[in-house]
């Protein structure tokens, strides 16, 4: 179970996870989201900034360098949406994504929520380990979707 101290969780391999937004390498996060992710490709940089400013963010760092990232959109009482989760290619296959999700779900401000939600194309196996499942009653869910680029 993660131990939270001063917005940081320490990891045995020299990585930390922190919710301190001052540590975020905005250029690295933007570059990955806008250029490499399938879900935010082409997002305007000012939208990324606004999204980070208005979310609970978790960064993975090693020696002060960004290694991963995730964002939570939440009211901290009833609902949380997990999004923008990634580990940079050079840091993959070390268990960091699993540790990141574990840390997010254990965060003191996110306890007792009624519902967590996320969308993923290819990481179902990761999230199932933590109790995520396909939406029940999907006919109840609705959306307005306005992509940044043509699908």
C-alpha atoms as a PDB file:
ATOM      1  CA  UNK A   1       0.000   0.000   0.000  1.00  0.00           C
ATOM      2  CA  UNK A   2       1.448   3.394  -0.932  1.00  0.00           C
ATOM      3  CA  UNK A   3       2.517   5.752   1.831  1.00  0.00           C
ATOM      4  CA  UNK A   4       1.812   9.422   1.153  1.00  0.00           C
ATOM      5  CA  UNK A   5       4.307  11.987   2.428  1.00  0.00           C
ATOM      6  CA  UNK A   6       4.455  15.578   1.210  1.00  0.00           C
ATOM      7  CA  UNK A   7       2.606  14.764  -2.021  1.00  0.00           C
ATOM      8  CA  UNK A   8       5.127  12.046  -2.916  1.00  0.00           C
ATOM      9  CA  UNK A   9       5.306   8.280  -2.751  1.00  0.00           C
ATOM     10  CA  UNK A  10       8.763   6.741  -2.874  1.00  0.00           C
ATOM     11  CA  UNK A  11       9.510   3.640  -4.911  1.00  0.00           C
ATOM     12  CA  UNK A  12      12.372   1.219  -4.414  1.00  0.00           C
ATOM     13  CA  UNK A  13      13.730   1.638  -7.945  1.00  0.00           C
ATOM     14  CA  UNK A  14      14.431   5.334  -7.441  1.00  0.00           C
ATOM     15  CA  UNK A  15      11.170   6.577  -8.967  1.00  0.00           C
ATOM     16  CA  UNK A  16       8.679   8.773  -7.132  1.00  0.00           C
ATOM     17  CA  UNK A  17       5.046   9.548  -7.775  1.00  0.00           C
ATOM     18  CA  UNK A  18       3.951  13.025  -6.807  1.00  0.00           C
ATOM     19  CA  UNK A  19       0.814  15.155  -7.053  1.00  0.00           C
ATOM     20  CA  UNK A  20       2.929  18.318  -6.914  1.00  0.00           C
ATOM     21  CA  UNK A  21       2.135  20.124 -10.174  1.00  0.00           C
ATOM     22  CA  UNK A  22       5.329  22.164  -9.866  1.00  0.00           C
ATOM     23  CA  UNK A  23       7.265  18.993 -10.751  1.00  0.00           C
ATOM     24  CA  UNK A  24       5.402  18.337 -14.010  1.00  0.00           C
ATOM     25  CA  UNK A  25       7.540  18.712 -17.122  1.00  0.00           C
ATOM     26  CA  UNK A  26       4.788  20.363 -19.125  1.00  0.00           C
ATOM     27  CA  UNK A  27       6.695  20.034 -22.410  1.00  0.00           C
ATOM     28  CA  UNK A  28       7.225  16.283 -21.936  1.00  0.00           C
ATOM     29  CA  UNK A  29       3.582  15.689 -21.005  1.00  0.00           C
ATOM     30  CA  UNK A  30       2.309  17.832 -23.889  1.00  0.00           C
ATOM     31  CA  UNK A  31       4.639  16.180 -26.365  1.00  0.00           C
ATOM     32  CA  UNK A  32       3.421  12.716 -25.415  1.00  0.00           C
ATOM     33  CA  UNK A  33      -0.265  13.601 -25.314  1.00  0.00           C
ATOM     34  CA  UNK A  34      -0.355  15.728 -28.465  1.00  0.00           C
ATOM     35  CA  UNK A  35       2.040  13.712 -30.624  1.00  0.00           C
ATOM     36  CA  UNK A  36       2.163  10.122 -29.349  1.00  0.00           C
ATOM     37  CA  UNK A  37      -1.097   9.246 -27.601  1.00  0.00           C
ATOM     38  CA  UNK A  38      -4.068   7.924 -29.539  1.00  0.00           C
ATOM     39  CA  UNK A  39      -6.591   9.701 -27.301  1.00  0.00           C
ATOM     40  CA  UNK A  40      -5.298  13.298 -27.274  1.00  0.00           C
ATOM     41  CA  UNK A  41      -3.435  13.515 -30.581  1.00  0.00           C
ATOM     42  CA  UNK A  42      -3.690  17.035 -31.936  1.00  0.00           C
ATOM     43  CA  UNK A  43      -5.117  18.550 -28.753  1.00  0.00           C
ATOM     44  CA  UNK A  44      -4.261  22.259 -28.606  1.00  0.00           C
ATOM     45  CA  UNK A  45      -1.521  22.979 -26.080  1.00  0.00           C
ATOM     46  CA  UNK A  46      -3.699  25.495 -24.227  1.00  0.00           C
ATOM     47  CA  UNK A  47      -6.292  22.743 -23.676  1.00  0.00           C
ATOM     48  CA  UNK A  48      -3.611  20.500 -22.143  1.00  0.00           C
ATOM     49  CA  UNK A  49      -2.599  23.336 -19.789  1.00  0.00           C
ATOM     50  CA  UNK A  50      -6.219  23.952 -18.736  1.00  0.00           C
ATOM     51  CA  UNK A  51      -6.805  20.217 -18.232  1.00  0.00           C
ATOM     52  CA  UNK A  52      -3.743  19.923 -15.979  1.00  0.00           C
ATOM     53  CA  UNK A  53      -4.624  23.075 -14.056  1.00  0.00           C
ATOM     54  CA  UNK A  54      -8.111  21.761 -13.278  1.00  0.00           C
ATOM     55  CA  UNK A  55      -7.290  18.145 -12.426  1.00  0.00           C
ATOM     56  CA  UNK A  56      -5.598  16.130  -9.719  1.00  0.00           C
ATOM     57  CA  UNK A  57      -2.396  15.066 -11.478  1.00  0.00           C
ATOM     58  CA  UNK A  58       0.034  12.278 -10.663  1.00  0.00           C
ATOM     59  CA  UNK A  59       3.526  12.368 -12.128  1.00  0.00           C
ATOM     60  CA  UNK A  60       6.149   9.637 -12.093  1.00  0.00           C
ATOM     61  CA  UNK A  61       9.706  10.979 -11.846  1.00  0.00           C
ATOM     62  CA  UNK A  62      13.235   9.667 -11.656  1.00  0.00           C
ATOM     63  CA  UNK A  63      16.006  12.103 -10.803  1.00  0.00           C
ATOM     64  CA  UNK A  64      13.591  14.958 -11.474  1.00  0.00           C
ATOM     65  CA  UNK A  65      12.792  13.745 -14.991  1.00  0.00           C
ATOM     66  CA  UNK A  66       9.234  12.928 -16.091  1.00  0.00           C
ATOM     67  CA  UNK A  67       8.689   9.194 -16.583  1.00  0.00           C
ATOM     68  CA  UNK A  68       4.898   8.975 -16.543  1.00  0.00           C
ATOM     69  CA  UNK A  69       1.699  10.847 -15.874  1.00  0.00           C
ATOM     70  CA  UNK A  70      -2.013  10.493 -15.109  1.00  0.00           C
ATOM     71  CA  UNK A  71      -4.867  12.895 -14.537  1.00  0.00           C
ATOM     72  CA  UNK A  72      -7.973  12.518 -12.379  1.00  0.00           C
ATOM     73  CA  UNK A  73     -11.078  14.591 -13.001  1.00  0.00           C
ATOM     74  CA  UNK A  74     -13.061  14.416  -9.767  1.00  0.00           C
ATOM     75  CA  UNK A  75     -15.334  16.078  -7.254  1.00  0.00           C
ATOM     76  CA  UNK A  76     -13.444  14.124  -4.537  1.00  0.00           C
ATOM     77  CA  UNK A  77     -16.783  12.962  -3.106  1.00  0.00           C
ATOM     78  CA  UNK A  78     -18.690  10.782  -5.572  1.00  0.00           C
ATOM     79  CA  UNK A  79     -16.939  10.413  -8.931  1.00  0.00           C
ATOM     80  CA  UNK A  80     -13.508  10.241 -10.559  1.00  0.00           C
ATOM     81  CA  UNK A  81     -12.510   9.878 -14.191  1.00  0.00           C
ATOM     82  CA  UNK A  82      -9.011   8.470 -14.756  1.00  0.00           C
ATOM     83  CA  UNK A  83      -7.418   9.761 -17.949  1.00  0.00           C
ATOM     84  CA  UNK A  84      -4.204  10.675 -19.770  1.00  0.00           C
ATOM     85  CA  UNK A  85      -2.374   7.725 -18.218  1.00  0.00           C
ATOM     86  CA  UNK A  86       1.012   6.977 -19.750  1.00  0.00           C
ATOM     87  CA  UNK A  87       4.535   5.832 -19.000  1.00  0.00           C
ATOM     88  CA  UNK A  88       7.197   7.087 -21.393  1.00  0.00           C
ATOM     89  CA  UNK A  89       8.736   4.387 -23.634  1.00  0.00           C
ATOM     90  CA  UNK A  90      12.145   4.355 -21.918  1.00  0.00           C
ATOM     91  CA  UNK A  91      10.492   3.567 -18.571  1.00  0.00           C
ATOM     92  CA  UNK A  92       8.059   0.848 -19.619  1.00  0.00           C
ATOM     93  CA  UNK A  93       8.175  -2.799 -18.496  1.00  0.00           C
ATOM     94  CA  UNK A  94       9.176  -1.839 -14.949  1.00  0.00           C
ATOM     95  CA  UNK A  95       5.744  -2.095 -13.329  1.00  0.00           C
ATOM     96  CA  UNK A  96       5.325   1.681 -13.211  1.00  0.00           C
ATOM     97  CA  UNK A  97       1.830   1.804 -14.738  1.00  0.00           C
ATOM     98  CA  UNK A  98       0.553  -0.728 -12.207  1.00  0.00           C
ATOM     99  CA  UNK A  99       2.206   1.205  -9.376  1.00  0.00           C
ATOM    100  CA  UNK A 100       0.705   4.462 -10.700  1.00  0.00           C
ATOM    101  CA  UNK A 101      -2.857   3.094 -10.766  1.00  0.00           C
ATOM    102  CA  UNK A 102      -2.387   1.518  -7.320  1.00  0.00           C
ATOM    103  CA  UNK A 103      -1.152   4.854  -5.959  1.00  0.00           C
ATOM    104  CA  UNK A 104      -4.022   6.816  -7.516  1.00  0.00           C
ATOM    105  CA  UNK A 105      -6.662   4.454  -6.121  1.00  0.00           C
ATOM    106  CA  UNK A 106      -5.082   4.653  -2.641  1.00  0.00           C
ATOM    107  CA  UNK A 107      -4.850   8.451  -2.568  1.00  0.00           C
ATOM    108  CA  UNK A 108      -6.501   9.787   0.613  1.00  0.00           C
ATOM    109  CA  UNK A 109      -8.595  12.402  -1.233  1.00  0.00           C
ATOM    110  CA  UNK A 110     -10.097   9.727  -3.515  1.00  0.00           C
ATOM    111  CA  UNK A 111     -11.450   7.336  -0.910  1.00  0.00           C
ATOM    112  CA  UNK A 112     -15.158   6.489  -0.659  1.00  0.00           C
ATOM    113  CA  UNK A 113     -16.064   7.491  -4.203  1.00  0.00           C
ATOM    114  CA  UNK A 114     -19.190   5.892  -5.608  1.00  0.00           C
ATOM    115  CA  UNK A 115     -17.910   5.551  -9.155  1.00  0.00           C
ATOM    116  CA  UNK A 116     -14.619   5.522 -11.040  1.00  0.00           C
ATOM    117  CA  UNK A 117     -14.590   5.695 -14.819  1.00  0.00           C
ATOM    118  CA  UNK A 118     -12.018   5.508 -17.607  1.00  0.00           C
ATOM    119  CA  UNK A 119     -11.756   4.790 -21.304  1.00  0.00           C
ATOM    120  CA  UNK A 120      -9.030   2.664 -22.868  1.00  0.00           C
ATOM    121  CA  UNK A 121      -8.307   1.088 -26.219  1.00  0.00           C
ATOM    122  CA  UNK A 122      -5.674  -1.417 -25.141  1.00  0.00           C
ATOM    123  CA  UNK A 123      -5.007  -1.477 -21.378  1.00  0.00           C
ATOM    124  CA  UNK A 124      -8.016  -3.442 -20.149  1.00  0.00           C
ATOM    125  CA  UNK A 125      -5.773  -6.028 -18.480  1.00  0.00           C
ATOM    126  CA  UNK A 126      -4.039  -3.373 -16.387  1.00  0.00           C
ATOM    127  CA  UNK A 127      -7.260  -1.816 -15.134  1.00  0.00           C
ATOM    128  CA  UNK A 128      -9.093  -5.106 -14.517  1.00  0.00           C
ATOM    129  CA  UNK A 129      -6.451  -5.905 -11.876  1.00  0.00           C
ATOM    130  CA  UNK A 130      -7.890  -3.027  -9.853  1.00  0.00           C
ATOM    131  CA  UNK A 131     -11.571  -3.839 -10.258  1.00  0.00           C
ATOM    132  CA  UNK A 132     -12.416  -1.855 -13.380  1.00  0.00           C
ATOM    133  CA  UNK A 133     -14.872  -3.586 -15.708  1.00  0.00           C
ATOM    134  CA  UNK A 134     -16.909  -2.760 -18.782  1.00  0.00           C
ATOM    135  CA  UNK A 135     -19.720  -0.308 -18.067  1.00  0.00           C
ATOM    136  CA  UNK A 136     -22.910  -1.954 -16.939  1.00  0.00           C
ATOM    137  CA  UNK A 137     -26.001  -0.487 -18.535  1.00  0.00           C
ATOM    138  CA  UNK A 138     -24.087   1.423 -21.220  1.00  0.00           C
ATOM    139  CA  UNK A 139     -27.427   2.577 -22.626  1.00  0.00           C
ATOM    140  CA  UNK A 140     -27.614   4.972 -19.653  1.00  0.00           C
ATOM    141  CA  UNK A 141     -24.400   6.738 -20.628  1.00  0.00           C
ATOM    142  CA  UNK A 142     -24.389   9.534 -23.174  1.00  0.00           C
ATOM    143  CA  UNK A 143     -21.718  11.781 -24.586  1.00  0.00           C
ATOM    144  CA  UNK A 144     -20.977  14.734 -26.786  1.00  0.00           C
ATOM    145  CA  UNK A 145     -17.786  13.925 -28.684  1.00  0.00           C
ATOM    146  CA  UNK A 146     -15.810  16.607 -30.466  1.00  0.00           C
ATOM    147  CA  UNK A 147     -12.455  15.213 -31.628  1.00  0.00           C
ATOM    148  CA  UNK A 148      -9.452  17.459 -32.146  1.00  0.00           C
ATOM    149  CA  UNK A 149      -8.549  15.559 -35.321  1.00  0.00           C
ATOM    150  CA  UNK A 150     -10.641  13.550 -37.718  1.00  0.00           C
ATOM    151  CA  UNK A 151     -10.837   9.896 -36.666  1.00  0.00           C
END
